[in-house]
Amino acid sequence: MPALRLAGGATEAHEDTLAVEEPLELRLHGPDGPLALAVLMRTPGHDRELLTGWLVSEGLLPAERTLDPDPENANVWHLHTPEYARLALGARLSVSSSACGVCGSGSVERLAVRAGPPEWTGGPLAPAVVAALPERLRAAQPGFGATGGLHAAGLFTPQGELLAAFEDVGRHNATDKVVGWAALRGGLPLSWTVLAVSSRAGFEIVQKAVTAGAAVVVAVGAASSLAVDTAATFGVTLCAFTREGRFTVYTAPERLDLPEPGSR
């Protein structure tokens, strides 16, 4: 897209690459016809993973279902399931923006009804592995390299090996895509993987981790107070400010092979 760049007191014409953001509508089909279950603002691509992950995060994923793209509209998908009545109760009729906060779960109490404490089966985590995750995630972000405007989420083994990474204009969308990728492969709960996000850790990131069974979350940016409270409530290990070889552990540090305080 044509733009003007100002630097050093000079102005120059510049061709800029922008991150794409478009609406994605999920229509639930039942006896009374289709119902708009959700409208998500997202970066097109990996829509099946995104919608599956969103259904997991909202506690709505049906055991029996067909999820298919509309043959004429790339921004519409159709969900058919015998569980129409249950899902209809959870229908979100308002647009969810790519920067939304709580994203459908109004409180920690409501989350507690849907999910229990995640179980960690990955063994002690080396601090060096945690500290290296942002750089490894960044290497899997071609969209960010081109636009500077996309978030990413990735799943890593306890040894730091990248399993999957996805980008999106919404940090929670990127997380849903990762969760959806795992769900479509029968990989839930995420009890032995580390979830890393390129953004701050807000409540919705921890919420999605809890519902997907992820016990360790690593964020490049800051953690919000509600994210920390939620992580503490559910026993999630939450690391934030993970950059330049350093990070801060807010909750459940026992999963990390940390040196004693004051030691080097």
C-alpha atoms as a PDB file:
ATOM      1  CA  MET A   1       0.000   0.000   0.000  1.00  0.00           C
ATOM      2  CA  PRO A   2       1.399   3.459  -0.887  1.00  0.00           C
ATOM      3  CA  ALA A   3       2.504   5.479   2.121  1.00  0.00           C
ATOM      4  CA  LEU A   4       4.834   8.295   3.135  1.00  0.00           C
ATOM      5  CA  ARG A   5       7.732   7.599   5.482  1.00  0.00           C
ATOM      6  CA  LEU A   6       9.206  10.385   7.562  1.00  0.00           C
ATOM      7  CA  ALA A   7      12.716   9.890   8.937  1.00  0.00           C
ATOM      8  CA  GLY A   8      15.539  12.248   9.757  1.00  0.00           C
ATOM      9  CA  GLY A   9      13.507  15.258   8.677  1.00  0.00           C
ATOM     10  CA  ALA A  10      12.982  13.845   5.187  1.00  0.00           C
ATOM     11  CA  THR A  11       9.857  12.428   3.532  1.00  0.00           C
ATOM     12  CA  GLU A  12       9.967   9.590   1.046  1.00  0.00           C
ATOM     13  CA  ALA A  13       7.379   7.551  -0.821  1.00  0.00           C
ATOM     14  CA  HIS A  14       7.127   4.046   0.515  1.00  0.00           C
ATOM     15  CA  GLU A  15       5.262   0.885  -0.459  1.00  0.00           C
ATOM     16  CA  ASP A  16       4.069  -0.685   2.779  1.00  0.00           C
ATOM     17  CA  THR A  17       2.848  -4.235   3.426  1.00  0.00           C
ATOM     18  CA  LEU A  18      -0.097  -4.413   5.830  1.00  0.00           C
ATOM     19  CA  ALA A  19      -1.399  -7.278   7.921  1.00  0.00           C
ATOM     20  CA  VAL A  20      -4.735  -8.508   6.542  1.00  0.00           C
ATOM     21  CA  GLU A  21      -7.781  -8.458   8.813  1.00  0.00           C
ATOM     22  CA  GLU A  22     -11.160  -9.805   7.705  1.00  0.00           C
ATOM     23  CA  PRO A  23     -14.295 -11.090   9.483  1.00  0.00           C
ATOM     24  CA  LEU A  24     -14.902 -14.821   9.796  1.00  0.00           C
ATOM     25  CA  GLU A  25     -18.479 -15.924  10.513  1.00  0.00           C
ATOM     26  CA  LEU A  26     -19.312 -19.333  11.965  1.00  0.00           C
ATOM     27  CA  ARG A  27     -22.903 -20.400  11.242  1.00  0.00           C
ATOM     28  CA  LEU A  28     -24.473 -23.091  13.400  1.00  0.00           C
ATOM     29  CA  HIS A  29     -27.103 -25.106  11.541  1.00  0.00           C
ATOM     30  CA  GLY A  30     -30.129 -26.578  13.271  1.00  0.00           C
ATOM     31  CA  PRO A  31     -33.879 -27.166  13.025  1.00  0.00           C
ATOM     32  CA  ASP A  32     -34.630 -23.450  12.968  1.00  0.00           C
ATOM     33  CA  GLY A  33     -32.072 -22.637  10.308  1.00  0.00           C
ATOM     34  CA  PRO A  34     -28.558 -21.195  10.571  1.00  0.00           C
ATOM     35  CA  LEU A  35     -27.510 -19.159  13.598  1.00  0.00           C
ATOM     36  CA  ALA A  36     -24.490 -16.855  13.699  1.00  0.00           C
ATOM     37  CA  LEU A  37     -22.503 -18.518  16.465  1.00  0.00           C
ATOM     38  CA  ALA A  38     -19.542 -16.148  16.241  1.00  0.00           C
ATOM     39  CA  VAL A  39     -17.932 -13.472  14.114  1.00  0.00           C
ATOM     40  CA  LEU A  40     -14.177 -13.330  14.616  1.00  0.00           C
ATOM     41  CA  MET A  41     -11.894 -10.667  13.202  1.00  0.00           C
ATOM     42  CA  ARG A  42      -8.830 -12.530  12.005  1.00  0.00           C
ATOM     43  CA  THR A  43      -6.021 -12.879   9.499  1.00  0.00           C
ATOM     44  CA  PRO A  44      -7.272 -15.279   6.765  1.00  0.00           C
ATOM     45  CA  GLY A  45      -5.640 -18.677   6.754  1.00  0.00           C
ATOM     46  CA  HIS A  46      -5.857 -21.761   8.967  1.00  0.00           C
ATOM     47  CA  ASP A  47      -9.543 -21.011   9.545  1.00  0.00           C
ATOM     48  CA  ARG A  48     -10.362 -24.599  10.511  1.00  0.00           C
ATOM     49  CA  GLU A  49      -7.734 -24.504  13.246  1.00  0.00           C
ATOM     50  CA  LEU A  50      -8.946 -21.098  14.413  1.00  0.00           C
ATOM     51  CA  LEU A  51     -12.605 -22.129  14.647  1.00  0.00           C
ATOM     52  CA  THR A  52     -11.799 -25.466  16.276  1.00  0.00           C
ATOM     53  CA  GLY A  53      -9.561 -23.762  18.811  1.00  0.00           C
ATOM     54  CA  TRP A  54     -12.195 -21.113  19.502  1.00  0.00           C
ATOM     55  CA  LEU A  55     -14.804 -23.818  20.141  1.00  0.00           C
ATOM     56  CA  VAL A  56     -12.387 -25.558  22.522  1.00  0.00           C
ATOM     57  CA  SER A  57     -11.604 -22.309  24.341  1.00  0.00           C
ATOM     58  CA  GLU A  58     -15.289 -21.473  24.745  1.00  0.00           C
ATOM     59  CA  GLY A  59     -16.169 -24.971  25.968  1.00  0.00           C
ATOM     60  CA  LEU A  60     -18.409 -25.502  22.932  1.00  0.00           C
ATOM     61  CA  LEU A  61     -16.566 -28.115  20.871  1.00  0.00           C
ATOM     62  CA  PRO A  62     -19.112 -30.822  19.940  1.00  0.00           C
ATOM     63  CA  ALA A  63     -18.050 -34.458  20.075  1.00  0.00           C
ATOM     64  CA  GLU A  64     -19.802 -35.092  16.746  1.00  0.00           C
ATOM     65  CA  ARG A  65     -19.581 -32.375  14.118  1.00  0.00           C
ATOM     66  CA  THR A  66     -18.863 -31.343  10.567  1.00  0.00           C
ATOM     67  CA  LEU A  67     -17.111 -28.033  10.018  1.00  0.00           C
ATOM     68  CA  ASP A  68     -16.978 -26.898   6.409  1.00  0.00           C
ATOM     69  CA  PRO A  69     -16.128 -23.718   4.493  1.00  0.00           C
ATOM     70  CA  ASP A  70     -18.816 -21.987   2.473  1.00  0.00           C
ATOM     71  CA  PRO A  71     -18.231 -22.775  -1.217  1.00  0.00           C
ATOM     72  CA  GLU A  72     -18.986 -19.198  -2.258  1.00  0.00           C
ATOM     73  CA  ASN A  73     -17.749 -17.048   0.630  1.00  0.00           C
ATOM     74  CA  ALA A  74     -14.261 -17.564   2.039  1.00  0.00           C
ATOM     75  CA  ASN A  75     -15.221 -15.676   5.193  1.00  0.00           C
ATOM     76  CA  VAL A  76     -18.081 -18.015   6.171  1.00  0.00           C
ATOM     77  CA  TRP A  77     -17.911 -21.515   7.690  1.00  0.00           C
ATOM     78  CA  HIS A  78     -20.746 -23.903   8.569  1.00  0.00           C
ATOM     79  CA  LEU A  79     -21.062 -26.095  11.654  1.00  0.00           C
ATOM     80  CA  HIS A  80     -23.498 -29.053  11.736  1.00  0.00           C
ATOM     81  CA  THR A  81     -23.891 -31.025  14.965  1.00  0.00           C
ATOM     82  CA  PRO A  82     -26.573 -32.896  16.934  1.00  0.00           C
ATOM     83  CA  GLU A  83     -25.613 -30.613  19.846  1.00  0.00           C
ATOM     84  CA  TYR A  84     -27.330 -27.622  18.257  1.00  0.00           C
ATOM     85  CA  ALA A  85     -29.338 -26.708  21.368  1.00  0.00           C
ATOM     86  CA  ARG A  86     -26.281 -26.624  23.654  1.00  0.00           C
ATOM     87  CA  LEU A  87     -24.217 -24.560  21.274  1.00  0.00           C
ATOM     88  CA  ALA A  88     -27.068 -22.183  20.544  1.00  0.00           C
ATOM     89  CA  LEU A  89     -27.104 -21.238  24.224  1.00  0.00           C
ATOM     90  CA  GLY A  90     -23.514 -20.119  23.882  1.00  0.00           C
ATOM     91  CA  ALA A  91     -24.047 -18.159  20.699  1.00  0.00           C
ATOM     92  CA  ARG A  92     -22.236 -14.857  20.575  1.00  0.00           C
ATOM     93  CA  LEU A  93     -24.224 -12.515  18.375  1.00  0.00           C
ATOM     94  CA  SER A  94     -21.899  -9.559  18.665  1.00  0.00           C
ATOM     95  CA  VAL A  95     -18.699  -9.124  16.703  1.00  0.00           C
ATOM     96  CA  SER A  96     -15.562 -10.211  18.536  1.00  0.00           C
ATOM     97  CA  SER A  97     -12.718  -7.944  17.487  1.00  0.00           C
ATOM     98  CA  SER A  98      -9.165  -9.145  16.969  1.00  0.00           C
ATOM     99  CA  ALA A  99      -8.147  -7.163  20.052  1.00  0.00           C
ATOM    100  CA  CYS A 100     -10.930  -8.259  22.367  1.00  0.00           C
ATOM    101  CA  GLY A 101     -10.131  -8.863  25.978  1.00  0.00           C
ATOM    102  CA  VAL A 102     -12.126 -11.468  27.851  1.00  0.00           C
ATOM    103  CA  CYS A 103     -13.492 -12.987  24.614  1.00  0.00           C
ATOM    104  CA  GLY A 104     -16.608 -14.669  25.920  1.00  0.00           C
ATOM    105  CA  SER A 105     -15.627 -15.854  29.376  1.00  0.00           C
ATOM    106  CA  GLY A 106     -16.797 -13.285  31.870  1.00  0.00           C
ATOM    107  CA  SER A 107     -14.971 -14.432  34.992  1.00  0.00           C
ATOM    108  CA  VAL A 108     -12.567 -16.846  36.584  1.00  0.00           C
ATOM    109  CA  GLU A 109     -15.555 -18.432  38.315  1.00  0.00           C
ATOM    110  CA  ARG A 110     -17.202 -19.273  34.997  1.00  0.00           C
ATOM    111  CA  LEU A 111     -13.922 -20.704  33.735  1.00  0.00           C
ATOM    112  CA  ALA A 112     -13.680 -22.921  36.823  1.00  0.00           C
ATOM    113  CA  VAL A 113     -16.995 -24.545  35.897  1.00  0.00           C
ATOM    114  CA  ARG A 114     -15.592 -25.595  32.509  1.00  0.00           C
ATOM    115  CA  ALA A 115     -12.026 -26.579  33.301  1.00  0.00           C
ATOM    116  CA  GLY A 116      -9.832 -27.898  36.070  1.00  0.00           C
ATOM    117  CA  PRO A 117      -6.140 -27.402  36.840  1.00  0.00           C
ATOM    118  CA  PRO A 118      -3.902 -28.460  33.920  1.00  0.00           C
ATOM    119  CA  GLU A 119      -1.544 -31.381  34.497  1.00  0.00           C
ATOM    120  CA  TRP A 120       2.121 -30.991  33.557  1.00  0.00           C
ATOM    121  CA  THR A 121       3.827 -34.139  32.291  1.00  0.00           C
ATOM    122  CA  GLY A 122       6.891 -32.606  30.655  1.00  0.00           C
ATOM    123  CA  GLY A 123       9.364 -32.857  33.526  1.00  0.00           C
ATOM    124  CA  PRO A 124      11.565 -30.026  34.870  1.00  0.00           C
ATOM    125  CA  LEU A 125      11.930 -27.116  32.450  1.00  0.00           C
ATOM    126  CA  ALA A 126      15.368 -25.630  31.934  1.00  0.00           C
ATOM    127  CA  PRO A 127      15.404 -21.827  32.300  1.00  0.00           C
ATOM    128  CA  ALA A 128      17.585 -21.568  29.190  1.00  0.00           C
ATOM    129  CA  VAL A 129      14.848 -23.269  27.157  1.00  0.00           C
ATOM    130  CA  VAL A 130      12.208 -20.837  28.405  1.00  0.00           C
ATOM    131  CA  ALA A 131      14.429 -17.834  27.732  1.00  0.00           C
ATOM    132  CA  ALA A 132      15.084 -18.976  24.158  1.00  0.00           C
ATOM    133  CA  LEU A 133      11.435 -19.468  23.166  1.00  0.00           C
ATOM    134  CA  PRO A 134      10.704 -15.906  21.942  1.00  0.00           C
ATOM    135  CA  GLU A 135      13.611 -16.031  19.505  1.00  0.00           C
ATOM    136  CA  ARG A 136      12.538 -19.459  18.268  1.00  0.00           C
ATOM    137  CA  LEU A 137       8.956 -18.252  17.884  1.00  0.00           C
ATOM    138  CA  ARG A 138      10.130 -15.137  16.064  1.00  0.00           C
ATOM    139  CA  ALA A 139      11.944 -17.347  13.547  1.00  0.00           C
ATOM    140  CA  ALA A 140       8.556 -18.894  12.697  1.00  0.00           C
ATOM    141  CA  GLN A 141       6.871 -15.537  11.988  1.00  0.00           C
ATOM    142  CA  PRO A 142       7.255 -14.734   8.281  1.00  0.00           C
ATOM    143  CA  GLY A 143       4.111 -12.597   8.384  1.00  0.00           C
ATOM    144  CA  PHE A 144       5.506 -10.398  11.130  1.00  0.00           C
ATOM    145  CA  GLY A 145       8.743 -10.071   9.214  1.00  0.00           C
ATOM    146  CA  ALA A 146       6.819  -8.729   6.229  1.00  0.00           C
ATOM    147  CA  THR A 147       4.283  -6.540   8.021  1.00  0.00           C
ATOM    148  CA  GLY A 148       5.376  -5.908  11.612  1.00  0.00           C
ATOM    149  CA  GLY A 149       1.682  -6.253  12.487  1.00  0.00           C
ATOM    150  CA  LEU A 150       1.002  -9.880  13.388  1.00  0.00           C
ATOM    151  CA  HIS A 151       1.018 -11.743  16.683  1.00  0.00           C
ATOM    152  CA  ALA A 152       2.086 -15.368  16.979  1.00  0.00           C
ATOM    153  CA  ALA A 153       1.524 -18.348  19.228  1.00  0.00           C
ATOM    154  CA  GLY A 154       3.520 -21.535  19.237  1.00  0.00           C
ATOM    155  CA  LEU A 155       3.664 -24.923  20.908  1.00  0.00           C
ATOM    156  CA  PHE A 156       7.058 -26.218  22.007  1.00  0.00           C
ATOM    157  CA  THR A 157       8.338 -29.429  23.537  1.00  0.00           C
ATOM    158  CA  PRO A 158       9.958 -29.222  26.997  1.00  0.00           C
ATOM    159  CA  GLN A 159      13.297 -29.251  25.155  1.00  0.00           C
ATOM    160  CA  GLY A 160      12.322 -26.187  23.111  1.00  0.00           C
ATOM    161  CA  GLU A 161      11.526 -27.894  19.813  1.00  0.00           C
ATOM    162  CA  LEU A 162       8.826 -26.073  17.839  1.00  0.00           C
ATOM    163  CA  LEU A 163       5.764 -28.222  17.135  1.00  0.00           C
ATOM    164  CA  ALA A 164       3.502 -25.627  15.510  1.00  0.00           C
ATOM    165  CA  ALA A 165       3.222 -21.859  15.195  1.00  0.00           C
ATOM    166  CA  PHE A 166       0.527 -19.603  13.769  1.00  0.00           C
ATOM    167  CA  GLU A 167       0.212 -15.876  13.162  1.00  0.00           C
ATOM    168  CA  ASP A 168      -2.786 -13.546  13.276  1.00  0.00           C
ATOM    169  CA  VAL A 169      -3.666  -9.911  13.851  1.00  0.00           C
ATOM    170  CA  GLY A 170      -5.263 -11.043  17.127  1.00  0.00           C
ATOM    171  CA  ARG A 171      -3.066 -12.608  19.769  1.00  0.00           C
ATOM    172  CA  HIS A 172      -5.998 -14.685  21.017  1.00  0.00           C
ATOM    173  CA  ASN A 173      -6.743 -15.809  17.429  1.00  0.00           C
ATOM    174  CA  ALA A 174      -3.166 -17.023  17.057  1.00  0.00           C
ATOM    175  CA  THR A 175      -3.580 -18.974  20.289  1.00  0.00           C
ATOM    176  CA  ASP A 176      -6.877 -20.461  19.097  1.00  0.00           C
ATOM    177  CA  LYS A 177      -5.179 -21.592  15.879  1.00  0.00           C
ATOM    178  CA  VAL A 178      -2.515 -23.432  17.876  1.00  0.00           C
ATOM    179  CA  VAL A 179      -5.133 -25.047  20.122  1.00  0.00           C
ATOM    180  CA  GLY A 180      -7.222 -25.960  17.088  1.00  0.00           C
ATOM    181  CA  TRP A 181      -4.185 -27.483  15.368  1.00  0.00           C
ATOM    182  CA  ALA A 182      -3.626 -29.717  18.393  1.00  0.00           C
ATOM    183  CA  ALA A 183      -7.327 -30.597  18.747  1.00  0.00           C
ATOM    184  CA  LEU A 184      -7.605 -31.644  15.110  1.00  0.00           C
ATOM    185  CA  ARG A 185      -4.717 -34.073  15.685  1.00  0.00           C
ATOM    186  CA  GLY A 186      -6.055 -35.497  18.930  1.00  0.00           C
ATOM    187  CA  GLY A 187      -3.366 -33.654  20.853  1.00  0.00           C
ATOM    188  CA  LEU A 188      -5.437 -32.266  23.726  1.00  0.00           C
ATOM    189  CA  PRO A 189      -4.818 -31.744  26.562  1.00  0.00           C
ATOM    190  CA  LEU A 190      -1.541 -29.878  26.057  1.00  0.00           C
ATOM    191  CA  SER A 191      -0.106 -31.352  29.234  1.00  0.00           C
ATOM    192  CA  TRP A 192       3.451 -31.841  27.955  1.00  0.00           C
ATOM    193  CA  THR A 193       3.918 -28.757  25.762  1.00  0.00           C
ATOM    194  CA  VAL A 194       4.771 -25.131  26.411  1.00  0.00           C
ATOM    195  CA  LEU A 195       2.525 -22.435  24.945  1.00  0.00           C
ATOM    196  CA  ALA A 196       4.472 -19.339  23.889  1.00  0.00           C
ATOM    197  CA  VAL A 197       2.926 -16.073  22.687  1.00  0.00           C
ATOM    198  CA  SER A 198       4.605 -13.086  21.081  1.00  0.00           C
ATOM    199  CA  SER A 199       2.367 -10.652  22.935  1.00  0.00           C
ATOM    200  CA  ARG A 200       1.506  -9.750  26.490  1.00  0.00           C
ATOM    201  CA  ALA A 201      -0.266 -12.327  28.627  1.00  0.00           C
ATOM    202  CA  GLY A 202      -3.801 -11.149  29.252  1.00  0.00           C
ATOM    203  CA  PHE A 203      -6.616 -13.088  30.876  1.00  0.00           C
ATOM    204  CA  GLU A 204      -7.796 -14.546  27.580  1.00  0.00           C
ATOM    205  CA  ILE A 205      -4.415 -16.170  26.894  1.00  0.00           C
ATOM    206  CA  VAL A 206      -4.404 -17.919  30.268  1.00  0.00           C
ATOM    207  CA  GLN A 207      -8.090 -18.789  29.821  1.00  0.00           C
ATOM    208  CA  LYS A 208      -7.356 -20.543  26.536  1.00  0.00           C
ATOM    209  CA  ALA A 209      -4.361 -22.311  28.065  1.00  0.00           C
ATOM    210  CA  VAL A 210      -6.500 -23.650  30.916  1.00  0.00           C
ATOM    211  CA  THR A 211      -9.266 -24.935  28.646  1.00  0.00           C
ATOM    212  CA  ALA A 212      -6.695 -26.623  26.392  1.00  0.00           C
ATOM    213  CA  GLY A 213      -4.879 -28.188  29.346  1.00  0.00           C
ATOM    214  CA  ALA A 214      -1.644 -26.212  28.872  1.00  0.00           C
ATOM    215  CA  ALA A 215       0.233 -25.930  32.152  1.00  0.00           C
ATOM    216  CA  VAL A 216       3.043 -23.598  31.049  1.00  0.00           C
ATOM    217  CA  VAL A 217       2.604 -20.250  29.295  1.00  0.00           C
ATOM    218  CA  VAL A 218       5.491 -18.043  28.169  1.00  0.00           C
ATOM    219  CA  ALA A 219       4.821 -14.478  27.006  1.00  0.00           C
ATOM    220  CA  VAL A 220       7.178 -11.972  25.440  1.00  0.00           C
ATOM    221  CA  GLY A 221       5.295  -9.024  26.956  1.00  0.00           C
ATOM    222  CA  ALA A 222       3.856  -8.170  30.329  1.00  0.00           C
ATOM    223  CA  ALA A 223       1.262 -10.156  32.260  1.00  0.00           C
ATOM    224  CA  SER A 224      -1.942  -8.532  33.482  1.00  0.00           C
ATOM    225  CA  SER A 225      -3.060  -8.832  37.079  1.00  0.00           C
ATOM    226  CA  LEU A 226      -6.073 -10.953  36.114  1.00  0.00           C
ATOM    227  CA  ALA A 227      -3.863 -13.246  34.050  1.00  0.00           C
ATOM    228  CA  VAL A 228      -1.609 -13.812  37.052  1.00  0.00           C
ATOM    229  CA  ASP A 229      -4.577 -14.350  39.395  1.00  0.00           C
ATOM    230  CA  THR A 230      -6.111 -16.844  36.955  1.00  0.00           C
ATOM    231  CA  ALA A 231      -2.810 -18.674  36.475  1.00  0.00           C
ATOM    232  CA  ALA A 232      -2.424 -18.908  40.257  1.00  0.00           C
ATOM    233  CA  THR A 233      -5.973 -20.215  40.668  1.00  0.00           C
ATOM    234  CA  PHE A 234      -5.470 -23.010  38.150  1.00  0.00           C
ATOM    235  CA  GLY A 235      -1.827 -23.785  38.815  1.00  0.00           C
ATOM    236  CA  VAL A 236      -0.509 -22.586  35.459  1.00  0.00           C
ATOM    237  CA  THR A 237       3.163 -21.655  35.269  1.00  0.00           C
ATOM    238  CA  LEU A 238       3.124 -18.135  33.821  1.00  0.00           C
ATOM    239  CA  CYS A 239       6.332 -16.510  32.566  1.00  0.00           C
ATOM    240  CA  ALA A 240       6.349 -12.996  31.108  1.00  0.00           C
ATOM    241  CA  PHE A 241       8.819 -10.301  30.007  1.00  0.00           C
ATOM    242  CA  THR A 242      10.682 -13.129  28.271  1.00  0.00           C
ATOM    243  CA  ARG A 243      13.329 -11.337  26.280  1.00  0.00           C
ATOM    244  CA  GLU A 244      17.094 -10.971  25.968  1.00  0.00           C
ATOM    245  CA  GLY A 245      17.722 -14.143  27.928  1.00  0.00           C
ATOM    246  CA  ARG A 246      15.595 -13.088  30.920  1.00  0.00           C
ATOM    247  CA  PHE A 247      12.054 -13.756  32.116  1.00  0.00           C
ATOM    248  CA  THR A 248       9.826 -13.307  35.153  1.00  0.00           C
ATOM    249  CA  VAL A 249       7.970 -16.254  36.712  1.00  0.00           C
ATOM    250  CA  TYR A 250       4.719 -15.235  38.403  1.00  0.00           C
ATOM    251  CA  THR A 251       3.079 -18.542  39.289  1.00  0.00           C
ATOM    252  CA  ALA A 252       3.882 -22.249  39.792  1.00  0.00           C
ATOM    253  CA  PRO A 253       7.686 -21.887  39.554  1.00  0.00           C
ATOM    254  CA  GLU A 254       8.151 -25.490  40.722  1.00  0.00           C
ATOM    255  CA  ARG A 255       7.962 -26.718  37.120  1.00  0.00           C
ATOM    256  CA  LEU A 256      11.172 -24.839  36.335  1.00  0.00           C
ATOM    257  CA  ASP A 257      14.630 -26.080  37.277  1.00  0.00           C
ATOM    258  CA  LEU A 258      15.494 -22.741  38.887  1.00  0.00           C
ATOM    259  CA  PRO A 259      18.614 -21.949  40.921  1.00  0.00           C
ATOM    260  CA  GLU A 260      18.175 -20.951  44.533  1.00  0.00           C
ATOM    261  CA  PRO A 261      17.455 -17.226  45.080  1.00  0.00           C
ATOM    262  CA  GLY A 262      20.718 -15.308  45.422  1.00  0.00           C
ATOM    263  CA  SER A 263      22.806 -17.971  43.695  1.00  0.00           C
ATOM    264  CA  ARG A 264      24.516 -17.486  40.340  1.00  0.00           C
END
